[in-house]
Amino acid sequence: MENIFVIIRYIHVITAVFWGGGIFMLNFFIFPYSKNAGPEGGKFMQGFSKTRSFPIVMTITGGIVIITGIIVLWHYSAGFSSAFMGSKIGVLLSMGGLSGLAAFLMGALINRPTIKRINIIGDEISKTGAAPLPGQMQEIEKLRNRIFSTTKLITLFVALAITFMSLARYL
């Protein structure tokens, strides 16, 4: 039975690296490029969000991280025993888990629907073949800014999750 938890922990770590790395890449490289590229940056982001369904992949991966994290914590804490959960390692792992959960929820409940809305507006613009209406451009800009600011928060929470979990064994 112990082997299954080693496998689940491995899945947790691998998916966390993928998910966290994707978030860091977005925040520190892709979004700044998109902002600096002007209108072409918006086209790039629309294409990027549709390529290989990036938002869906990130949501699924984040969900796997959360679910496997809960299972691993349950196992290592002997069923969330109060003795373990009240220890330094238990508190830090819990803080890391809550930080990761906050990041996941912001991505799933704020960014993903916002990306969907931007794609709908972009498709409407493409269908007409005309220049975007001023109202459409204003809405897209507002939505892009929401994604950029939320992703900064998500990055912070992912960084906190990584910090708490990596330090838990050593404090």
Protein backbone atom coordinates (compact mmCIF):
# COMPACT_ATOMS: atom_id res chain seq x y z
CA MET A 1 0.00 0.00 0.00
CA GLU A 2 2.91 2.34 0.71
CA ASN A 3 3.99 2.08 -2.96
CA ILE A 4 0.74 3.61 -4.15
CA PHE A 5 1.39 6.70 -2.02
CA VAL A 6 4.89 7.00 -3.46
CA ILE A 7 3.32 6.98 -6.94
CA ILE A 8 0.68 9.52 -5.91
CA ARG A 9 3.38 11.77 -4.41
CA TYR A 10 5.40 11.45 -7.63
CA ILE A 11 2.33 12.46 -9.68
CA HIS A 12 1.78 15.37 -7.27
CA VAL A 13 5.34 16.66 -7.66
CA ILE A 14 5.49 16.23 -11.46
CA THR A 15 2.13 17.92 -12.06
CA ALA A 16 2.99 20.68 -9.57
CA VAL A 17 6.22 21.40 -11.46
CA PHE A 18 4.32 21.54 -14.76
CA TRP A 19 1.49 23.68 -13.36
CA GLY A 20 3.70 26.04 -11.36
CA GLY A 21 6.21 26.33 -14.18
CA GLY A 22 3.44 27.20 -16.60
CA ILE A 23 2.18 29.93 -14.27
CA PHE A 24 5.65 31.39 -13.79
CA MET A 25 6.26 31.29 -17.56
CA LEU A 26 3.00 33.14 -18.19
CA ASN A 27 3.61 35.79 -15.57
CA PHE A 28 7.27 36.52 -16.22
CA PHE A 29 7.63 35.96 -19.98
CA ILE A 30 4.47 35.45 -22.03
CA PHE A 31 2.26 38.18 -20.53
CA PRO A 32 4.98 40.89 -20.63
CA TYR A 33 5.60 40.00 -24.29
CA SER A 34 1.88 40.20 -24.99
CA LYS A 35 1.60 43.60 -23.30
CA ASN A 36 4.56 45.03 -25.21
CA ALA A 37 3.36 43.70 -28.57
CA GLY A 38 0.27 45.93 -28.63
CA PRO A 39 -2.68 44.69 -30.72
CA GLU A 40 -0.58 41.83 -32.09
CA GLY A 41 -0.06 40.69 -28.50
CA GLY A 42 -3.80 40.25 -28.16
CA LYS A 43 -3.88 38.11 -31.29
CA PHE A 44 -0.96 36.10 -29.97
CA MET A 45 -2.71 35.50 -26.64
CA GLN A 46 -5.95 34.49 -28.35
CA GLY A 47 -4.09 31.95 -30.46
CA PHE A 48 -2.05 30.79 -27.48
CA SER A 49 -5.11 30.19 -25.34
CA LYS A 50 -6.62 28.02 -28.06
CA THR A 51 -3.44 26.09 -28.90
CA ARG A 52 -3.63 22.68 -27.28
CA SER A 53 -6.33 24.12 -25.00
CA PHE A 54 -3.80 25.70 -22.63
CA PRO A 55 -6.37 26.99 -20.09
CA ILE A 56 -8.04 23.58 -19.92
CA VAL A 57 -4.70 21.78 -19.53
CA MET A 58 -3.68 24.15 -16.73
CA THR A 59 -7.01 23.71 -14.95
CA ILE A 60 -6.86 19.91 -15.17
CA THR A 61 -3.21 19.84 -14.09
CA GLY A 62 -3.92 22.18 -11.18
CA GLY A 63 -6.82 19.96 -10.15
CA ILE A 64 -4.56 16.92 -10.17
CA VAL A 65 -2.05 18.81 -8.01
CA ILE A 66 -4.74 19.68 -5.48
CA ILE A 67 -6.31 16.20 -5.34
CA THR A 68 -2.99 14.35 -5.08
CA GLY A 69 -1.77 16.88 -2.51
CA ILE A 70 -4.78 16.20 -0.30
CA ILE A 71 -4.22 12.44 -0.61
CA VAL A 72 -0.51 12.74 0.22
CA LEU A 73 -1.20 15.00 3.21
CA TRP A 74 -3.89 12.62 4.44
CA HIS A 75 -1.45 9.72 4.21
CA TYR A 76 1.49 11.45 5.89
CA SER A 77 -0.69 12.93 8.62
CA ALA A 78 -2.31 9.57 9.47
CA GLY A 79 -5.72 10.77 8.40
CA PHE A 80 -5.23 14.47 9.27
CA SER A 81 -4.42 13.66 12.91
CA SER A 82 -4.43 16.72 15.12
CA ALA A 83 -0.95 15.88 16.44
CA PHE A 84 0.54 16.00 12.93
CA MET A 85 -1.58 18.89 11.67
CA GLY A 86 -0.59 20.95 14.73
CA SER A 87 3.13 20.28 14.26
CA LYS A 88 5.40 22.68 12.36
CA ILE A 89 5.52 20.38 9.35
CA GLY A 90 1.74 19.93 9.42
CA VAL A 91 1.11 23.67 9.66
CA LEU A 92 3.55 24.49 6.86
CA LEU A 93 2.24 21.75 4.55
CA SER A 94 -1.31 22.96 5.25
CA MET A 95 -0.34 26.58 4.53
CA GLY A 96 1.29 25.42 1.31
CA GLY A 97 -1.78 23.43 0.36
CA LEU A 98 -4.10 26.35 1.07
CA SER A 99 -1.87 28.65 -0.97
CA GLY A 100 -1.96 26.20 -3.87
CA LEU A 101 -5.73 25.84 -3.54
CA ALA A 102 -6.15 29.63 -3.60
CA ALA A 103 -4.03 29.81 -6.76
CA PHE A 104 -6.03 27.02 -8.38
CA LEU A 105 -9.38 28.61 -7.55
CA MET A 106 -8.31 32.00 -8.92
CA GLY A 107 -7.21 30.38 -12.15
CA ALA A 108 -10.31 28.21 -12.51
CA LEU A 109 -12.91 30.71 -11.34
CA ILE A 110 -11.46 34.01 -12.61
CA ASN A 111 -8.89 33.52 -15.37
CA ARG A 112 -10.45 30.62 -17.26
CA PRO A 113 -13.90 32.26 -17.69
CA THR A 114 -12.17 35.55 -18.57
CA ILE A 115 -10.15 33.82 -21.30
CA LYS A 116 -13.33 32.24 -22.63
CA ARG A 117 -14.98 35.67 -22.84
CA ILE A 118 -11.98 37.17 -24.65
CA ASN A 119 -12.05 34.30 -27.15
CA ILE A 120 -15.78 34.82 -27.77
CA ILE A 121 -15.23 38.51 -28.49
CA GLY A 122 -12.22 37.70 -30.69
CA ASP A 123 -14.28 35.19 -32.67
CA GLU A 124 -17.05 37.77 -33.12
CA ILE A 125 -14.52 40.26 -34.46
CA SER A 126 -13.02 37.66 -36.80
CA LYS A 127 -16.44 36.70 -38.20
CA THR A 128 -17.28 40.28 -39.16
CA GLY A 129 -13.91 40.85 -40.83
CA ALA A 130 -14.17 44.48 -39.76
CA ALA A 131 -12.11 46.39 -37.25
CA PRO A 132 -13.15 45.82 -33.65
CA LEU A 133 -15.74 48.20 -32.27
CA PRO A 134 -14.52 50.58 -29.55
CA GLY A 135 -16.69 48.80 -26.97
CA GLN A 136 -15.19 45.45 -27.92
CA MET A 137 -11.66 46.79 -27.59
CA GLN A 138 -12.47 48.33 -24.20
CA GLU A 139 -13.93 45.06 -22.93
CA ILE A 140 -10.98 43.04 -24.21
CA GLU A 141 -8.53 45.44 -22.56
CA LYS A 142 -10.44 45.26 -19.27
CA LEU A 143 -10.50 41.46 -19.43
CA ARG A 144 -6.79 41.24 -20.31
CA ASN A 145 -5.94 43.46 -17.35
CA ARG A 146 -8.03 41.18 -15.10
CA ILE A 147 -6.05 38.17 -16.31
CA PHE A 148 -2.71 39.94 -15.87
CA SER A 149 -3.47 41.09 -12.32
CA THR A 150 -5.02 37.78 -11.26
CA THR A 151 -2.06 35.86 -12.67
CA LYS A 152 0.29 37.99 -10.57
CA LEU A 153 -1.66 36.92 -7.49
CA ILE A 154 -1.72 33.31 -8.65
CA THR A 155 2.05 33.44 -9.10
CA LEU A 156 2.44 34.80 -5.57
CA PHE A 157 0.29 32.02 -4.11
CA VAL A 158 2.15 29.35 -6.09
CA ALA A 159 5.46 30.79 -4.84
CA LEU A 160 4.13 30.67 -1.27
CA ALA A 161 2.98 27.06 -1.75
CA ILE A 162 6.41 26.08 -3.04
CA THR A 163 8.15 27.91 -0.19
CA PHE A 164 5.98 26.45 2.59
CA MET A 165 6.18 22.91 1.25
CA SER A 166 9.90 22.98 0.55
CA LEU A 167 10.70 24.32 4.02
CA ALA A 168 8.27 22.13 5.95
CA ARG A 169 10.70 19.28 6.54
CA TYR A 170 13.49 21.56 7.71
CA LEU A 171 11.80 23.73 10.33
